[in-house]
Protein backbone atom coordinates (compact mmCIF):
# COMPACT_ATOMS: atom_id res chain seq x y z
CA MET A 1 4.05 -12.28 19.76
CA LYS A 2 1.96 -12.27 16.61
CA LYS A 3 3.91 -10.71 13.77
CA LEU A 4 2.21 -8.71 11.05
CA ILE A 5 4.08 -8.75 7.77
CA PHE A 6 3.95 -5.47 5.89
CA LEU A 7 2.92 -5.78 2.26
CA THR A 8 5.66 -6.54 -0.22
CA SER A 9 5.60 -7.63 -3.80
CA LEU A 10 6.85 -10.90 -5.20
CA LEU A 11 8.78 -8.95 -7.79
CA MET A 12 11.92 -8.35 -5.72
CA VAL A 13 14.34 -9.45 -8.41
CA PHE A 14 17.68 -7.96 -9.27
CA THR A 15 17.11 -7.40 -12.99
CA LEU A 16 19.91 -5.55 -14.69
CA SER A 17 19.59 -7.47 -17.92
CA GLY A 18 16.59 -8.40 -20.04
CA CYS A 19 15.05 -11.86 -19.69
CA GLN A 20 12.62 -11.92 -22.60
CA GLU A 21 13.96 -11.91 -26.14
CA LYS A 22 11.73 -8.94 -26.93
CA PRO A 23 12.37 -5.93 -24.67
CA PHE A 24 8.73 -4.89 -24.59
CA ASP A 25 7.37 -8.34 -23.67
CA SER A 26 6.59 -8.69 -19.97
CA ASP A 27 8.51 -11.19 -17.85
CA ILE A 28 5.36 -11.65 -15.74
CA ASP A 29 1.91 -12.74 -16.89
CA GLY A 30 -0.90 -10.22 -16.51
CA TYR A 31 1.20 -7.11 -17.05
CA GLU A 32 0.69 -4.75 -19.97
CA TYR A 33 3.47 -2.73 -21.58
CA THR A 34 2.95 1.02 -21.50
CA VAL A 35 4.89 4.26 -21.78
CA SER A 36 3.85 6.90 -19.27
CA ASP A 37 5.06 9.89 -17.31
CA GLU A 38 2.80 9.30 -14.30
CA LEU A 39 2.00 7.05 -11.36
CA VAL A 40 -1.72 7.01 -10.50
CA PHE A 41 -3.63 5.26 -7.71
CA ASN A 42 -7.43 5.22 -7.96
CA PHE A 43 -9.39 4.11 -4.91
CA ASP A 44 -12.97 2.83 -4.80
CA ASN A 45 -14.50 3.35 -1.35
CA GLY A 46 -17.76 1.62 -2.27
CA SER A 47 -19.62 4.63 -3.58
CA GLY A 48 -17.27 5.52 -6.41
CA SER A 49 -13.67 5.68 -7.53
CA THR A 50 -11.45 8.70 -6.93
CA GLU A 51 -7.87 9.53 -7.82
CA LEU A 52 -6.15 9.35 -4.46
CA PHE A 53 -2.56 9.72 -5.61
CA LYS A 54 -0.77 11.00 -8.70
CA PHE A 55 2.91 11.59 -9.31
CA LEU A 56 4.31 13.08 -12.51
CA PHE A 57 7.75 12.20 -13.81
CA ASP A 58 9.70 14.75 -15.82
CA GLU A 59 10.02 12.24 -18.67
CA GLU A 60 8.13 9.20 -19.89
CA LEU A 61 9.27 5.78 -18.71
CA LYS A 62 8.71 2.36 -20.25
CA MET A 63 7.02 -0.01 -17.82
CA PHE A 64 4.63 -2.91 -17.34
CA VAL A 65 1.43 -2.38 -15.33
CA ASN A 66 -0.85 -4.99 -13.73
CA ASP A 67 -4.62 -5.12 -14.27
CA ASP A 68 -5.65 -2.96 -11.29
CA LYS A 69 -2.77 -0.53 -11.88
CA THR A 70 -1.24 -0.97 -8.43
CA ILE A 71 2.13 -2.39 -9.52
CA TYR A 72 4.42 -0.71 -12.04
CA ASN A 73 7.07 -3.22 -13.05
CA PHE A 74 10.30 -2.21 -14.78
CA LYS A 75 12.83 -4.07 -16.88
CA ASN A 76 16.23 -2.96 -18.08
CA ILE A 77 14.68 -1.08 -21.01
CA ASN A 78 14.78 2.60 -20.04
CA ASP A 79 17.77 4.82 -20.57
CA TYR A 80 19.32 4.16 -17.17
CA THR A 81 20.27 7.81 -16.64
CA VAL A 82 16.68 8.96 -17.26
CA ALA A 83 15.10 6.26 -15.08
CA SER A 84 17.58 6.97 -12.30
CA ALA A 85 16.77 10.67 -12.25
CA GLN A 86 13.03 9.99 -12.06
CA ILE A 87 13.29 7.48 -9.21
CA GLU A 88 15.54 9.89 -7.32
CA LYS A 89 12.93 12.62 -7.82
CA LEU A 90 10.21 10.40 -6.36
CA ILE A 91 12.05 9.33 -3.23
CA THR A 92 13.41 12.85 -2.65
CA MET A 93 9.89 14.27 -2.70
CA TYR A 94 8.85 11.97 0.16
CA GLU A 95 12.13 11.81 2.04
CA ASP A 96 10.46 12.99 5.27
CA THR A 97 8.30 9.83 5.54
CA ILE A 98 10.64 7.24 3.98
CA LYS A 99 12.13 4.19 5.62
CA TYR A 100 14.52 1.87 3.83
CA ARG A 101 15.32 -1.81 3.67
CA THR A 102 18.74 -2.41 2.14
CA TYR A 103 20.64 -5.54 1.13
CA VAL A 104 24.23 -5.53 -0.10
CA LEU A 105 24.62 -7.67 -3.22
CA THR A 106 27.83 -9.67 -3.30
CA ASP A 107 27.69 -11.41 -6.69
CA VAL A 108 27.70 -8.40 -9.03
CA ASP A 109 30.39 -7.89 -11.65
CA GLU A 110 32.41 -4.70 -11.68
CA VAL A 111 30.99 -3.95 -15.12
CA ILE A 112 27.18 -3.94 -15.40
CA LYS A 113 25.17 -3.98 -18.59
CA LEU A 114 22.56 -1.21 -18.54
CA SER A 115 20.18 -0.03 -21.23
CA ALA A 116 20.74 3.20 -23.07
CA GLY A 117 17.06 3.03 -24.07
CA ALA A 118 15.57 -0.12 -25.59
CA THR A 119 13.85 -0.35 -28.95
CA GLU A 120 11.31 -2.97 -29.95
CA ASP A 121 14.01 -5.49 -30.93
CA ASP A 122 17.09 -4.36 -29.03
CA TYR A 123 17.85 -3.71 -25.35
CA ASN A 124 20.69 -1.39 -26.44
CA LEU A 125 22.90 -2.47 -23.54
CA VAL A 126 26.07 -0.60 -22.66
CA ASP A 127 28.85 -1.55 -20.27
CA VAL A 128 28.96 0.61 -17.15
CA SER A 129 31.56 0.40 -14.37
CA HIS A 130 30.33 1.14 -10.87
CA ASP A 131 32.25 2.40 -7.85
CA GLY A 132 32.06 0.24 -4.73
CA GLU A 133 29.14 -1.83 -3.49
CA VAL A 134 25.83 -2.53 -5.19
CA VAL A 135 22.70 -2.70 -3.04
CA SER A 136 19.11 -3.82 -3.52
CA GLU A 137 16.93 -1.29 -1.72
CA ASP A 138 13.24 -0.84 -0.94
CA ALA A 139 11.97 2.63 -0.05
CA PHE A 140 8.74 2.58 1.99
CA ILE A 141 6.74 5.79 1.56
CA THR A 142 3.56 7.23 3.08
CA THR A 143 1.88 9.96 1.03
CA GLU A 144 -0.21 12.88 2.25
CA ASN A 145 -3.46 11.04 1.33
CA GLY A 146 -2.54 7.84 3.13
CA VAL A 147 -1.41 5.87 0.08
CA SER A 148 1.60 3.64 0.77
CA LEU A 149 4.34 3.07 -1.81
CA ILE A 150 7.12 0.54 -2.04
CA VAL A 151 9.79 1.69 -4.48
CA SER A 152 12.23 -1.15 -5.19
CA TYR A 153 15.47 -0.53 -7.05
CA THR A 154 19.12 -1.42 -7.35
CA LYS A 155 21.49 1.34 -6.30
CA PHE A 156 25.18 1.96 -6.90
CA ILE A 157 27.60 4.81 -7.63
CA ILE A 158 28.99 5.82 -11.01
CA ASP A 159 31.55 8.63 -11.14
CA GLY A 160 30.54 9.78 -7.67
CA GLU A 161 26.80 9.94 -8.47
CA ASP A 162 24.06 7.65 -7.14
CA VAL A 163 22.34 5.57 -9.82
CA TYR A 164 18.91 3.98 -9.26
CA VAL A 165 17.77 1.13 -11.52
CA PRO A 166 14.06 0.56 -10.76
CA ALA A 167 12.58 -2.93 -10.30
CA TYR A 168 8.98 -2.05 -9.38
CA ILE A 169 6.74 0.49 -7.66
CA GLN A 170 3.77 -0.80 -5.70
CA LEU A 171 0.87 1.31 -4.36
CA PHE A 172 -1.68 0.21 -1.76
CA VAL A 173 -3.84 1.39 1.14
CA ASP A 174 -5.03 0.02 4.47
CA THR A 175 -8.68 0.60 5.30
CA ILE A 176 -11.37 0.62 7.96
CA HIS A 177 -14.87 -0.64 7.05
CA LEU A 178 -17.80 1.55 8.16
CA GLU A 179 -21.36 0.24 7.89
CA THR A 180 -23.61 2.34 5.63
CA SER A 181 -26.78 0.23 5.36
CA TRP A 182 -28.54 -3.02 6.26
CA ASP A 183 -30.73 -4.55 3.54
CA TYR A 184 -33.14 -7.10 5.04
CA LEU A 185 -33.99 -9.73 2.43
CA GLY A 186 -36.40 -11.94 4.35
CA SER A 187 -36.38 -15.71 3.80
CA ASP A 188 -35.92 -17.58 0.49
CA ASN A 189 -33.43 -15.02 -0.80
CA GLU A 190 -30.59 -15.41 -3.28
CA TYR A 191 -28.15 -16.39 -0.54
CA SER A 192 -30.15 -18.72 1.70
CA ASP A 193 -33.56 -20.11 2.57
CA ASP A 194 -33.18 -18.44 5.97
CA PRO A 195 -33.77 -14.73 6.64
CA MET A 196 -30.67 -12.74 5.66
CA LYS A 197 -29.47 -9.16 5.61
CA VAL A 198 -26.81 -7.58 3.44
CA ILE A 199 -24.47 -5.22 5.28
CA THR A 200 -22.91 -2.58 3.02
CA TYR A 201 -19.72 -0.76 3.93
CA GLU A 202 -17.75 2.33 3.04
CA LEU A 203 -13.97 1.85 2.96
CA ILE A 204 -11.98 4.55 4.72
CA VAL A 205 -8.25 4.92 4.03
CA VAL A 206 -6.02 4.94 7.11
CA PRO A 207 -2.52 6.45 6.77
CA LEU A 208 0.19 4.36 8.40
CA PRO A 209 3.86 5.04 9.09
CA ALA A 210 6.25 3.58 6.54
CA LYS A 211 7.26 -0.03 7.16
CA THR A 212 4.09 -0.91 9.06
CA GLY A 213 2.04 -4.11 8.95
CA ALA A 214 -1.73 -4.00 9.47
CA LEU A 215 -4.48 -6.52 10.23
CA SER A 216 -8.14 -5.51 9.92
CA SER A 217 -10.81 -6.86 12.25
CA TYR A 218 -12.94 -7.15 9.10
CA GLU A 219 -11.12 -10.40 8.39
CA GLU A 220 -12.82 -11.92 11.44
CA LEU A 221 -16.22 -10.78 10.16
CA GLU A 222 -15.57 -12.47 6.82
CA SER A 223 -15.44 -15.84 8.58
CA SER A 224 -19.19 -15.58 9.17
CA GLY A 225 -21.85 -15.10 6.51
CA THR A 226 -21.20 -14.72 2.79
CA THR A 227 -18.77 -12.18 1.36
CA ILE A 228 -20.39 -10.60 -1.70
CA ASP A 229 -17.64 -8.18 -2.72
CA ASP A 230 -15.18 -5.76 -1.14
CA PHE A 231 -18.05 -3.61 0.16
CA SER A 232 -20.78 -5.99 1.32
CA ARG A 233 -21.54 -9.31 2.97
CA ALA A 234 -24.69 -11.28 3.73
CA VAL A 235 -25.37 -12.63 7.22
CA ASN A 236 -28.14 -14.63 8.86
CA THR A 237 -30.70 -12.73 10.89
CA GLY A 238 -33.63 -13.89 12.97
CA ASP A 239 -35.78 -11.05 11.65
CA ASN A 240 -37.93 -12.19 8.74
CA ILE A 241 -38.45 -8.67 7.46
CA VAL A 242 -37.76 -6.85 4.21
CA GLY A 243 -36.42 -3.34 3.81
CA THR A 244 -33.38 -1.10 3.96
CA TRP A 245 -32.14 0.45 7.20
CA LEU A 246 -29.88 3.51 6.97
CA PRO A 247 -27.89 5.33 9.68
CA CYS A 248 -30.08 6.92 12.34
CA SER A 249 -30.48 10.71 12.32
CA ASN A 250 -32.60 13.45 13.89
CA GLY A 251 -33.46 11.46 17.00
CA GLU A 252 -34.42 8.27 15.15
CA TYR A 253 -34.01 5.05 17.10
CA GLU A 254 -36.07 2.48 15.18
CA GLY A 255 -35.80 1.17 11.63
CA CYS A 256 -32.28 2.57 11.36
CA ILE A 257 -28.73 1.59 12.33
CA PHE A 258 -25.98 2.95 14.50
CA PRO A 259 -23.07 2.16 12.14
CA ILE A 260 -20.31 -0.07 13.44
CA SER A 261 -16.77 0.24 12.08
CA THR A 262 -13.83 -2.14 12.09
CA THR A 263 -10.42 -1.51 13.62
CA LEU A 264 -6.83 -1.93 12.49
CA GLU A 265 -4.18 -3.71 14.51
CA ILE A 266 -0.78 -2.40 13.42
CA GLN A 267 2.89 -3.15 13.94
CA ALA A 268 5.35 -0.40 13.03
CA TYR A 269 8.84 -1.78 12.50
CA GLU A 270 12.18 -0.24 13.44
CA THR A 271 10.66 2.72 15.24
CA THR A 272 9.61 3.97 18.68
CA GLN A 273 6.32 5.06 20.20
CA ASN A 274 7.52 8.65 20.20
CA ASP A 275 8.47 8.46 16.50
CA VAL A 276 5.04 7.07 15.58
CA MET A 277 3.26 9.84 17.46
CA VAL A 278 5.51 12.51 15.92
CA PHE A 279 4.74 11.04 12.47
CA TYR A 280 1.02 11.62 13.02
CA GLU A 281 1.56 15.04 14.60
CA GLU A 282 3.71 16.34 11.75
CA ASN A 283 1.81 14.79 8.84
CA PHE A 284 -1.79 14.34 9.99
CA GLY A 285 -2.41 17.02 12.60
CA ALA A 286 -2.52 14.66 15.58
CA ARG A 287 -3.51 15.99 18.99
CA TYR A 288 -5.23 14.83 22.15
CA ASN A 289 -9.05 15.11 22.18
CA ASP A 290 -10.74 14.07 25.43
CA GLY A 291 -7.72 11.95 26.28
CA ASN A 292 -7.63 10.26 22.85
CA PHE A 293 -4.61 10.61 20.58
CA THR A 294 -6.47 11.67 17.43
CA PHE A 295 -5.20 12.24 13.89
CA PHE A 296 -6.93 13.39 10.70
CA SER A 297 -6.87 12.38 7.04
CA ASN A 298 -9.20 12.93 4.07
CA GLY A 299 -11.88 14.47 6.30
CA GLN A 300 -11.87 11.59 8.80
CA ALA A 301 -10.69 11.51 12.41
CA PHE A 302 -8.93 8.45 13.82
CA VAL A 303 -7.78 7.36 17.27
CA LEU A 304 -4.46 5.62 17.92
CA TYR A 305 -4.70 3.58 21.11
CA ASP A 306 -3.35 0.55 23.03
CA ILE A 307 0.16 1.65 22.08
CA GLN A 308 2.96 -0.64 23.19
CA GLU A 309 6.66 -0.53 22.37
CA VAL A 310 8.47 -3.88 22.30
CA GLN A 311 11.66 -5.42 20.99
CA VAL A 312 11.74 -8.42 18.65
CA ARG A 313 14.26 -10.27 16.52
CA ASP A 314 14.00 -9.69 12.78
CA ASP A 315 14.68 -12.18 10.00
CA ASN A 316 18.41 -11.57 10.41
CA ASP A 317 18.16 -12.39 14.14
CA GLU A 318 18.86 -8.76 15.04
CA ILE A 319 16.89 -7.02 17.78
CA ILE A 320 14.66 -4.19 16.50
CA ASN A 321 12.07 -1.90 18.06
CA VAL A 322 8.44 -2.54 17.13
CA VAL A 323 5.40 -0.47 18.07
CA ASN A 324 2.12 -2.35 18.45
CA ALA A 325 -1.08 -0.29 18.41
CA LYS A 326 -4.69 -0.17 17.24
CA ILE A 327 -6.55 2.40 15.16
CA ARG A 328 -10.28 3.15 15.11
CA LEU A 329 -12.54 5.92 13.92
CA TYR A 330 -12.99 8.79 16.36
């Protein structure tokens, strides 16, 4: 069975002590130091960028952000009590859609050095004794607008209270491509001597259950023609014409297009078919329309179909339930 790997970051590192000599220098190239009280995810669907997700912390946190502001990386530079409270607030807010991946760490000292709040030249580390085991944990979250989050942290107990030391927070979406126009270029164009057309797409966000891998059929389309950017590609056409064709309307049948959209093939891990359907019913108003299991998000209707529940062995050779399915526009 083909296995779809759900998106994870390469930043899964147990970092309870600073690596760089300067606390506010990033351990990873391409990340900029900032102090902020918010997580923001802006999404460009091809016609403009919108703020699709925003979460406000109660206090500012020190962090490092990548260029497209989709990964918020943390070092041991925040007051650990403040950072812990803010991470707990985030995962508590979305506890109804969270799934976890947890690893017990076996090589951790009984006394851990944590920051009481770094300054420009000093990590200000203090010795903290923890009670019991220390775990590395990833919380997989689906938000109300379909944005997925991975919140990665180290977790342990101090004086009977859970403590969360953040490693990173990653935000991303899975999308369906919907055609919006065909631009016929004729021959001798910027892409080829042969007649070409540029197909332009709108990207539509598809909410997925936490801990789900997705593969878009758009990847197959990219193997033919020339990919221009995230929203358009040029393909050969036998029609040596010039002009723009838009979606048909008001009984039009010529000189216009009937837009085609891609599909998503998904694998939801450690769940059942019933749980997946309940997820869409409770969070995205799913119901049956003309025999199709349909759910709704951001003004769009989607169909979940070809649903199959199977069992596979995970990386630890343990048997888990996996739900295979496909998603298309309604």
